[in-house]
Structures are given as structure tokens and as C-alpha cells.
Amino acid sequence: MSTPNKNEPPGIIYAVVARGSTILAEYKARQGNYAKVIKRLLNKIEGAESKLSYIFENHYFHYEVSDGITFLCMADKDFGRRIPFAFLDDIKKRFFSTYGSKGKTAMGYAMNADFSRVLEHQMSYFSNDSNSDRIRKVHEKIDEVKNIMVSNIDRI
């Protein structure tokens, strides 16, 4: 596993799209020995529609199964659950809009050449861009409105 670097902000470290234990696409933002843990997790995950998180050492493994395809990511423990699940929902939509049902019959790593770049881009976006967290944006807008209201009240 990767050891968290104190200088790196928490974020999504690894993402994979799989059918059962067959990996269709993956991307690693950091080096580490993820293969064994990922294989064990993929073998444990049933093909039924589900969303769940597992904790292993200092990392959370979040996954969503949709239409027999597993979307899984590994994130730093301090990164929470909301953003990783938003990331998984986003890549699920992108995967199905790009490949449709081809993932049900594709060979291992068949989508990796193209979709690993999508995983990389979206991992970076969801890990680093504050616009990716809609709830945080709503809270910021509420705070902004509250400050304007307080300012207007002070003027009266």
C-alpha cells in the first residue's frame, strides 16, 4: 500500500472499472502495492447493485456496482466519503455513455488505453477542485448570502 505523504493533500489515489475480477480500466495517482487488496476486494464484491466502503490501513475503498460493472476507488482516510462517491457516480456515467454495455463482454484492460485518461482527469478534478464538492459550494453560497444579509442589517 502507499504511505500517505505529509506534503500531499488527501484525495483519490486509485480507481478501477471492473466486471467481477476482470479489470477493464484503472489508474494510479500514486505508486503502491494495490493489486493484492484490489483483487481481494473485487472477488468479494457481488454483481448486485450496491454501494459500500471498506477501510484498510489508512485508506478507504469505495465502490458502486451498476449493471454488473464495479466502479471502485481508493482514497486517503481523511478524504471522507462524499467526494469519492460523487467521483464514482461521475465515472459510472462517463463509462456507460462511452461504452454502453460493451463492458459486459470486454476482455481485461480492453478500455484501459482510453478510459484510464478519463479516470486520471476526473481523479484530479475531484481531488483538487473545490467545484467538485456541490455541498461545499452550497454552504459557501449560504455563507455569502448570510454575510450580505448581516451587512445589510448593519446598514439599517
N, C-alpha and C. Protein backbone atom coordinates (compact mmCIF):
# COMPACT_ATOMS: atom_id res chain seq x y z
N MET A 1 0.85 -1.18 0.00
CA MET A 1 0.00 0.00 0.00
C MET A 1 0.88 1.23 0.00
N SER A 2 0.32 2.35 -0.37
CA SER A 2 1.08 3.58 -0.35
C SER A 2 1.05 4.17 1.05
N THR A 3 2.12 4.83 1.39
CA THR A 3 2.17 5.54 2.66
C THR A 3 1.83 6.98 2.37
N PRO A 4 0.86 7.55 3.10
CA PRO A 4 0.49 8.93 2.82
C PRO A 4 1.67 9.87 2.99
N ASN A 5 1.88 10.74 2.03
CA ASN A 5 2.92 11.74 2.10
C ASN A 5 2.33 12.95 2.82
N LYS A 6 3.02 13.40 3.85
CA LYS A 6 2.51 14.52 4.65
C LYS A 6 2.34 15.79 3.82
N ASN A 7 3.10 15.91 2.71
CA ASN A 7 3.02 17.11 1.89
C ASN A 7 1.88 17.06 0.86
N GLU A 8 1.34 15.87 0.62
CA GLU A 8 0.26 15.74 -0.35
C GLU A 8 -1.09 15.89 0.33
N PRO A 9 -2.00 16.67 -0.26
CA PRO A 9 -3.34 16.77 0.33
C PRO A 9 -4.06 15.44 0.13
N PRO A 10 -5.03 15.13 0.99
CA PRO A 10 -5.77 13.88 0.82
C PRO A 10 -6.55 13.90 -0.49
N GLY A 11 -6.76 12.74 -1.04
CA GLY A 11 -7.51 12.67 -2.29
C GLY A 11 -7.72 11.24 -2.73
N ILE A 12 -8.17 11.10 -3.97
CA ILE A 12 -8.39 9.79 -4.58
C ILE A 12 -7.06 9.34 -5.17
N ILE A 13 -6.65 8.14 -4.81
CA ILE A 13 -5.33 7.63 -5.17
C ILE A 13 -5.39 6.64 -6.32
N TYR A 14 -6.45 5.86 -6.38
CA TYR A 14 -6.53 4.76 -7.34
C TYR A 14 -7.98 4.58 -7.74
N ALA A 15 -8.20 4.25 -9.00
CA ALA A 15 -9.56 3.98 -9.48
C ALA A 15 -9.52 2.82 -10.46
N VAL A 16 -10.59 2.03 -10.43
CA VAL A 16 -10.67 0.88 -11.32
C VAL A 16 -12.13 0.68 -11.75
N VAL A 17 -12.29 0.23 -12.99
CA VAL A 17 -13.58 -0.20 -13.50
C VAL A 17 -13.40 -1.67 -13.83
N ALA A 18 -14.29 -2.51 -13.30
CA ALA A 18 -14.13 -3.95 -13.48
C ALA A 18 -15.47 -4.64 -13.67
N ARG A 19 -15.40 -5.83 -14.24
CA ARG A 19 -16.55 -6.73 -14.32
C ARG A 19 -16.12 -7.97 -13.55
N GLY A 20 -16.69 -8.16 -12.37
CA GLY A 20 -16.21 -9.23 -11.50
C GLY A 20 -14.77 -8.92 -11.11
N SER A 21 -13.87 -9.88 -11.31
CA SER A 21 -12.46 -9.63 -11.01
C SER A 21 -11.66 -9.23 -12.25
N THR A 22 -12.36 -9.06 -13.38
CA THR A 22 -11.71 -8.64 -14.63
C THR A 22 -11.63 -7.12 -14.69
N ILE A 23 -10.42 -6.59 -14.63
CA ILE A 23 -10.22 -5.14 -14.68
C ILE A 23 -10.33 -4.67 -16.12
N LEU A 24 -11.20 -3.69 -16.34
CA LEU A 24 -11.40 -3.13 -17.68
C LEU A 24 -10.56 -1.87 -17.89
N ALA A 25 -10.40 -1.08 -16.82
CA ALA A 25 -9.59 0.14 -16.87
C ALA A 25 -9.18 0.50 -15.46
N GLU A 26 -7.99 1.10 -15.31
CA GLU A 26 -7.54 1.54 -13.99
C GLU A 26 -6.58 2.70 -14.14
N TYR A 27 -6.41 3.44 -13.05
CA TYR A 27 -5.41 4.50 -13.00
C TYR A 27 -4.92 4.66 -11.56
N LYS A 28 -3.61 4.83 -11.39
CA LYS A 28 -2.99 5.05 -10.09
C LYS A 28 -2.38 6.45 -10.07
N ALA A 29 -2.79 7.27 -9.10
CA ALA A 29 -2.21 8.60 -8.95
C ALA A 29 -0.89 8.55 -8.19
N ARG A 30 -0.73 7.51 -7.38
CA ARG A 30 0.50 7.30 -6.61
C ARG A 30 0.91 5.85 -6.75
N GLN A 31 2.19 5.63 -6.59
CA GLN A 31 2.69 4.26 -6.65
C GLN A 31 2.35 3.53 -5.35
N GLY A 32 2.14 2.25 -5.45
CA GLY A 32 1.84 1.45 -4.27
C GLY A 32 1.49 0.04 -4.68
N ASN A 33 1.40 -0.82 -3.70
CA ASN A 33 1.09 -2.22 -3.94
C ASN A 33 -0.40 -2.44 -3.73
N TYR A 34 -1.20 -2.03 -4.70
CA TYR A 34 -2.65 -2.11 -4.57
C TYR A 34 -3.21 -3.42 -5.11
N ALA A 35 -2.48 -4.08 -5.97
CA ALA A 35 -3.02 -5.22 -6.74
C ALA A 35 -3.64 -6.30 -5.85
N LYS A 36 -2.97 -6.69 -4.79
CA LYS A 36 -3.48 -7.77 -3.94
C LYS A 36 -4.78 -7.37 -3.26
N VAL A 37 -4.81 -6.17 -2.69
CA VAL A 37 -6.00 -5.70 -1.99
C VAL A 37 -7.15 -5.54 -2.97
N ILE A 38 -6.89 -4.97 -4.12
CA ILE A 38 -7.94 -4.75 -5.12
C ILE A 38 -8.50 -6.09 -5.60
N LYS A 39 -7.64 -7.05 -5.89
CA LYS A 39 -8.10 -8.37 -6.33
C LYS A 39 -8.99 -9.01 -5.26
N ARG A 40 -8.57 -8.93 -3.99
CA ARG A 40 -9.38 -9.49 -2.90
C ARG A 40 -10.74 -8.80 -2.83
N LEU A 41 -10.73 -7.47 -2.92
CA LEU A 41 -11.99 -6.74 -2.87
C LEU A 41 -12.89 -7.09 -4.05
N LEU A 42 -12.33 -7.10 -5.25
CA LEU A 42 -13.14 -7.41 -6.42
C LEU A 42 -13.74 -8.80 -6.33
N ASN A 43 -13.01 -9.74 -5.75
CA ASN A 43 -13.54 -11.10 -5.57
C ASN A 43 -14.64 -11.15 -4.52
N LYS A 44 -14.62 -10.23 -3.55
CA LYS A 44 -15.65 -10.19 -2.50
C LYS A 44 -16.94 -9.52 -2.97
N ILE A 45 -16.81 -8.58 -3.90
CA ILE A 45 -17.96 -7.78 -4.33
C ILE A 45 -18.85 -8.62 -5.23
N GLU A 46 -20.11 -8.68 -4.87
CA GLU A 46 -21.07 -9.40 -5.70
C GLU A 46 -21.57 -8.49 -6.80
N GLY A 47 -22.11 -9.07 -7.85
CA GLY A 47 -22.55 -8.30 -9.01
C GLY A 47 -23.84 -7.54 -8.83
N ALA A 48 -24.47 -7.66 -7.66
CA ALA A 48 -25.74 -6.96 -7.43
C ALA A 48 -25.50 -5.47 -7.24
N GLU A 49 -26.50 -4.67 -7.61
CA GLU A 49 -26.42 -3.22 -7.43
C GLU A 49 -26.13 -2.91 -5.97
N SER A 50 -25.06 -2.17 -5.71
CA SER A 50 -24.71 -1.83 -4.32
C SER A 50 -23.70 -0.70 -4.27
N LYS A 51 -23.61 -0.09 -3.09
CA LYS A 51 -22.61 0.94 -2.77
C LYS A 51 -22.09 0.63 -1.39
N LEU A 52 -20.77 0.65 -1.23
CA LEU A 52 -20.20 0.31 0.07
C LEU A 52 -18.78 0.84 0.18
N SER A 53 -18.31 0.94 1.41
CA SER A 53 -16.92 1.35 1.67
C SER A 53 -16.27 0.33 2.59
N TYR A 54 -14.99 0.09 2.36
CA TYR A 54 -14.16 -0.73 3.23
C TYR A 54 -12.99 0.12 3.71
N ILE A 55 -12.52 -0.17 4.90
CA ILE A 55 -11.34 0.52 5.43
C ILE A 55 -10.21 -0.50 5.50
N PHE A 56 -9.04 -0.11 5.00
CA PHE A 56 -7.85 -0.94 5.10
C PHE A 56 -6.66 -0.02 5.35
N GLU A 57 -6.02 -0.19 6.49
CA GLU A 57 -4.92 0.65 6.92
C GLU A 57 -5.37 2.11 6.90
N ASN A 58 -4.70 2.98 6.19
CA ASN A 58 -5.03 4.42 6.17
C ASN A 58 -5.86 4.81 4.95
N HIS A 59 -6.52 3.84 4.34
CA HIS A 59 -7.26 4.12 3.11
C HIS A 59 -8.68 3.59 3.18
N TYR A 60 -9.54 4.27 2.46
CA TYR A 60 -10.92 3.82 2.27
C TYR A 60 -11.05 3.33 0.83
N PHE A 61 -11.72 2.21 0.68
CA PHE A 61 -12.05 1.69 -0.64
C PHE A 61 -13.55 1.84 -0.80
N HIS A 62 -13.96 2.64 -1.75
CA HIS A 62 -15.37 2.91 -2.00
C HIS A 62 -15.73 2.25 -3.33
N TYR A 63 -16.89 1.64 -3.39
CA TYR A 63 -17.29 1.07 -4.67
C TYR A 63 -18.78 1.19 -4.89
N GLU A 64 -19.12 1.13 -6.16
CA GLU A 64 -20.51 1.10 -6.59
C GLU A 64 -20.61 0.08 -7.71
N VAL A 65 -21.60 -0.79 -7.64
CA VAL A 65 -21.85 -1.76 -8.70
C VAL A 65 -23.11 -1.33 -9.42
N SER A 66 -23.03 -1.23 -10.73
CA SER A 66 -24.17 -0.85 -11.54
C SER A 66 -24.16 -1.68 -12.82
N ASP A 67 -25.25 -2.36 -13.09
CA ASP A 67 -25.41 -3.17 -14.29
C ASP A 67 -24.26 -4.18 -14.46
N GLY A 68 -23.81 -4.75 -13.34
CA GLY A 68 -22.76 -5.77 -13.38
C GLY A 68 -21.34 -5.23 -13.47
N ILE A 69 -21.19 -3.93 -13.52
CA ILE A 69 -19.86 -3.30 -13.61
C ILE A 69 -19.55 -2.65 -12.26
N THR A 70 -18.33 -2.89 -11.76
CA THR A 70 -17.90 -2.32 -10.49
C THR A 70 -17.03 -1.10 -10.74
N PHE A 71 -17.36 -0.02 -10.07
CA PHE A 71 -16.57 1.22 -10.11
C PHE A 71 -16.00 1.38 -8.71
N LEU A 72 -14.70 1.34 -8.58
CA LEU A 72 -14.06 1.32 -7.28
C LEU A 72 -12.95 2.36 -7.23
N CYS A 73 -12.84 3.03 -6.08
CA CYS A 73 -11.72 3.94 -5.90
C CYS A 73 -11.15 3.78 -4.50
N MET A 74 -9.90 4.12 -4.37
CA MET A 74 -9.21 4.12 -3.09
C MET A 74 -8.84 5.56 -2.78
N ALA A 75 -9.17 6.00 -1.57
CA ALA A 75 -8.88 7.38 -1.17
C ALA A 75 -8.24 7.39 0.20
N ASP A 76 -7.54 8.47 0.48
CA ASP A 76 -6.97 8.65 1.81
C ASP A 76 -8.09 8.64 2.84
N LYS A 77 -7.78 8.14 4.01
CA LYS A 77 -8.76 8.03 5.09
C LYS A 77 -9.39 9.39 5.42
N ASP A 78 -8.61 10.45 5.36
CA ASP A 78 -9.08 11.79 5.72
C ASP A 78 -9.92 12.46 4.63
N PHE A 79 -10.10 11.81 3.50
CA PHE A 79 -10.81 12.42 2.37
C PHE A 79 -12.32 12.27 2.48
N GLY A 80 -12.79 11.43 3.39
CA GLY A 80 -14.22 11.26 3.57
C GLY A 80 -14.84 10.35 2.54
N ARG A 81 -16.18 10.40 2.46
CA ARG A 81 -16.92 9.51 1.55
C ARG A 81 -17.68 10.26 0.46
N ARG A 82 -18.11 11.48 0.75
CA ARG A 82 -18.99 12.20 -0.17
C ARG A 82 -18.34 12.41 -1.54
N ILE A 83 -17.13 12.93 -1.57
CA ILE A 83 -16.47 13.23 -2.84
C ILE A 83 -16.11 11.95 -3.60
N PRO A 84 -15.55 10.92 -2.93
CA PRO A 84 -15.29 9.69 -3.68
C PRO A 84 -16.54 9.08 -4.32
N PHE A 85 -17.68 9.12 -3.61
CA PHE A 85 -18.89 8.58 -4.23
C PHE A 85 -19.40 9.48 -5.35
N ALA A 86 -19.19 10.77 -5.26
CA ALA A 86 -19.53 11.66 -6.38
C ALA A 86 -18.63 11.33 -7.58
N PHE A 87 -17.36 11.07 -7.31
CA PHE A 87 -16.41 10.66 -8.35
C PHE A 87 -16.89 9.36 -9.02
N LEU A 88 -17.25 8.37 -8.20
CA LEU A 88 -17.70 7.09 -8.75
C LEU A 88 -18.95 7.25 -9.60
N ASP A 89 -19.88 8.09 -9.16
CA ASP A 89 -21.08 8.34 -9.94
C ASP A 89 -20.74 8.99 -11.28
N ASP A 90 -19.80 9.91 -11.25
CA ASP A 90 -19.37 10.60 -12.47
C ASP A 90 -18.72 9.62 -13.45
N ILE A 91 -17.80 8.79 -12.97
CA ILE A 91 -17.12 7.88 -13.91
C ILE A 91 -18.08 6.79 -14.40
N LYS A 92 -19.03 6.41 -13.56
CA LYS A 92 -20.05 5.44 -13.99
C LYS A 92 -20.81 6.01 -15.18
N LYS A 93 -21.26 7.26 -15.08
CA LYS A 93 -22.00 7.88 -16.18
C LYS A 93 -21.14 8.01 -17.43
N ARG A 94 -19.88 8.41 -17.25
CA ARG A 94 -18.97 8.56 -18.39
C ARG A 94 -18.69 7.20 -19.05
N PHE A 95 -18.50 6.18 -18.23
CA PHE A 95 -18.22 4.84 -18.76
C PHE A 95 -19.39 4.33 -19.58
N PHE A 96 -20.59 4.39 -19.02
CA PHE A 96 -21.76 3.87 -19.74
C PHE A 96 -22.10 4.71 -20.96
N SER A 97 -21.87 6.02 -20.90
CA SER A 97 -22.16 6.83 -22.09
C SER A 97 -21.14 6.57 -23.20
N THR A 98 -19.93 6.18 -22.84
CA THR A 98 -18.89 5.89 -23.83
C THR A 98 -19.00 4.47 -24.37
N TYR A 99 -19.18 3.50 -23.47
CA TYR A 99 -19.10 2.09 -23.87
C TYR A 99 -20.43 1.35 -23.86
N GLY A 100 -21.47 1.92 -23.29
CA GLY A 100 -22.75 1.22 -23.23
C GLY A 100 -22.60 -0.10 -22.50
N SER A 101 -23.05 -1.18 -23.13
CA SER A 101 -22.99 -2.49 -22.49
C SER A 101 -21.75 -3.29 -22.90
N LYS A 102 -20.81 -2.68 -23.60
CA LYS A 102 -19.60 -3.40 -24.05
C LYS A 102 -18.78 -3.93 -22.88
N GLY A 103 -18.90 -3.31 -21.71
CA GLY A 103 -18.15 -3.77 -20.54
C GLY A 103 -18.56 -5.15 -20.07
N LYS A 104 -19.76 -5.58 -20.44
CA LYS A 104 -20.25 -6.90 -20.02
C LYS A 104 -19.52 -8.05 -20.70
N THR A 105 -18.91 -7.78 -21.86
CA THR A 105 -18.23 -8.84 -22.60
C THR A 105 -16.77 -8.53 -22.92
N ALA A 106 -16.29 -7.38 -22.53
CA ALA A 106 -14.94 -6.95 -22.89
C ALA A 106 -13.87 -7.79 -22.19
N MET A 107 -12.74 -7.90 -22.85
CA MET A 107 -11.59 -8.60 -22.26
C MET A 107 -10.93 -7.68 -21.24
N GLY A 108 -10.09 -8.26 -20.41
CA GLY A 108 -9.37 -7.48 -19.40
C GLY A 108 -8.58 -6.34 -20.02
N TYR A 109 -8.65 -5.19 -19.40
CA TYR A 109 -7.95 -3.97 -19.81
C TYR A 109 -8.35 -3.46 -21.20
N ALA A 110 -9.47 -3.93 -21.74
CA ALA A 110 -9.91 -3.52 -23.08
C ALA A 110 -10.17 -2.03 -23.18
N MET A 111 -10.61 -1.39 -22.09
CA MET A 111 -10.92 0.03 -22.12
C MET A 111 -9.81 0.89 -21.51
N ASN A 112 -8.73 0.26 -21.10
CA ASN A 112 -7.70 0.97 -20.33
C ASN A 112 -7.01 2.08 -21.12
N ALA A 113 -6.73 1.84 -22.40
CA ALA A 113 -6.00 2.84 -23.19
C ALA A 113 -6.71 4.19 -23.21
N ASP A 114 -8.03 4.17 -23.35
CA ASP A 114 -8.79 5.42 -23.39
C ASP A 114 -9.32 5.84 -22.03
N PHE A 115 -9.90 4.90 -21.31
CA PHE A 115 -10.62 5.29 -20.09
C PHE A 115 -9.69 5.58 -18.92
N SER A 116 -8.46 5.09 -18.94
CA SER A 116 -7.53 5.44 -17.85
C SER A 116 -7.26 6.94 -17.84
N ARG A 117 -7.28 7.56 -19.01
CA ARG A 117 -7.10 9.02 -19.08
C ARG A 117 -8.29 9.76 -18.48
N VAL A 118 -9.48 9.22 -18.68
CA VAL A 118 -10.69 9.80 -18.07
C VAL A 118 -10.59 9.66 -16.56
N LEU A 119 -10.18 8.48 -16.09
CA LEU A 119 -10.01 8.27 -14.64
C LEU A 119 -9.00 9.25 -14.08
N GLU A 120 -7.87 9.41 -14.77
CA GLU A 120 -6.83 10.33 -14.31
C GLU A 120 -7.38 11.76 -14.19
N HIS A 121 -8.04 12.22 -15.22
CA HIS A 121 -8.56 13.59 -15.24
C HIS A 121 -9.60 13.80 -14.14
N GLN A 122 -10.53 12.87 -14.03
CA GLN A 122 -11.60 13.02 -13.04
C GLN A 122 -11.07 12.85 -11.60
N MET A 123 -10.08 11.98 -11.41
CA MET A 123 -9.47 11.85 -10.08
C MET A 123 -8.84 13.17 -9.67
N SER A 124 -8.14 13.80 -10.59
CA SER A 124 -7.51 15.08 -10.30
C SER A 124 -8.57 16.14 -10.00
N TYR A 125 -9.61 16.19 -10.80
CA TYR A 125 -10.69 17.16 -10.59
C TYR A 125 -11.34 16.98 -9.23
N PHE A 126 -11.76 15.77 -8.92
CA PHE A 126 -12.47 15.53 -7.66
C PHE A 126 -11.55 15.64 -6.45
N SER A 127 -10.26 15.41 -6.63
CA SER A 127 -9.32 15.51 -5.50
C SER A 127 -8.88 16.95 -5.24
N ASN A 128 -8.87 17.79 -6.28
CA ASN A 128 -8.23 19.11 -6.15
C ASN A 128 -9.12 20.31 -6.39
N ASP A 129 -10.22 20.16 -7.09
CA ASP A 129 -11.06 21.30 -7.47
C ASP A 129 -12.23 21.43 -6.51
N SER A 130 -12.32 22.56 -5.84
CA SER A 130 -13.40 22.77 -4.87
C SER A 130 -14.79 22.77 -5.53
N ASN A 131 -14.85 23.00 -6.84
CA ASN A 131 -16.14 22.97 -7.54
C ASN A 131 -16.72 21.57 -7.63
N SER A 132 -15.91 20.54 -7.37
CA SER A 132 -16.41 19.17 -7.46
C SER A 132 -17.30 18.81 -6.28
N ASP A 133 -17.20 19.56 -5.19
CA ASP A 133 -17.99 19.26 -4.00
C ASP A 133 -19.19 20.19 -3.95
N ARG A 134 -20.33 19.72 -4.45
CA ARG A 134 -21.54 20.55 -4.55
C ARG A 134 -22.03 21.01 -3.19
N ILE A 135 -21.94 20.16 -2.19
CA ILE A 135 -22.42 20.54 -0.86
C ILE A 135 -21.57 21.67 -0.30
N ARG A 136 -20.25 21.58 -0.48
CA ARG A 136 -19.38 22.67 -0.03
C ARG A 136 -19.73 23.96 -0.76
N LYS A 137 -20.01 23.86 -2.07
CA LYS A 137 -20.39 25.06 -2.83
C LYS A 137 -21.68 25.66 -2.29
N VAL A 138 -22.65 24.83 -1.95
CA VAL A 138 -23.92 25.33 -1.40
C VAL A 138 -23.66 26.03 -0.06
N HIS A 139 -22.83 25.42 0.79
CA HIS A 139 -22.51 26.05 2.08
C HIS A 139 -21.81 27.40 1.87
N GLU A 140 -20.91 27.47 0.90
CA GLU A 140 -20.23 28.73 0.61
C GLU A 140 -21.23 29.79 0.15
N LYS A 141 -22.18 29.40 -0.69
CA LYS A 141 -23.20 30.37 -1.15
C LYS A 141 -24.09 30.81 0.00
N ILE A 142 -24.44 29.89 0.88
CA ILE A 142 -25.25 30.24 2.05
C ILE A 142 -24.48 31.23 2.93
N ASP A 143 -23.21 30.96 3.15
CA ASP A 143 -22.38 31.88 3.95
C ASP A 143 -22.30 33.26 3.29
N GLU A 144 -22.18 33.27 1.97
CA GLU A 144 -22.11 34.54 1.24
C GLU A 144 -23.41 35.32 1.41
N VAL A 145 -24.54 34.65 1.25
CA VAL A 145 -25.84 35.31 1.42
C VAL A 145 -26.00 35.80 2.86
N LYS A 146 -25.58 34.98 3.81
CA LYS A 146 -25.67 35.36 5.22
C LYS A 146 -24.83 36.61 5.50
N ASN A 147 -23.63 36.66 4.94
CA ASN A 147 -22.79 37.84 5.13
C ASN A 147 -23.41 39.09 4.51
N ILE A 148 -24.03 38.95 3.35
CA ILE A 148 -24.70 40.09 2.70
C ILE A 148 -25.87 40.55 3.57
N MET A 149 -26.62 39.59 4.12
CA MET A 149 -27.75 39.94 4.98
C MET A 149 -27.28 40.67 6.23
N VAL A 150 -26.22 40.19 6.85
CA VAL A 150 -25.67 40.84 8.04
C VAL A 150 -25.19 42.25 7.69
N SER A 151 -24.53 42.38 6.53
CA SER A 151 -24.07 43.67 6.08
C SER A 151 -25.25 44.63 5.87
N ASN A 152 -26.31 44.14 5.26
CA ASN A 152 -27.50 44.98 5.03
C ASN A 152 -28.16 45.38 6.34
N ILE A 153 -28.20 44.47 7.30
CA ILE A 153 -28.79 44.77 8.60
C ILE A 153 -27.96 45.82 9.32
N ASP A 154 -26.63 45.70 9.20
CA ASP A 154 -25.75 46.67 9.84
C ASP A 154 -25.95 48.08 9.29
N ARG A 155 -26.31 48.18 8.02
CA ARG A 155 -26.51 49.49 7.39
C ARG A 155 -27.77 50.17 7.89
N ILE A 156 -28.73 49.39 8.33
CA ILE A 156 -30.03 49.96 8.76
C ILE A 156 -29.92 50.66 10.06
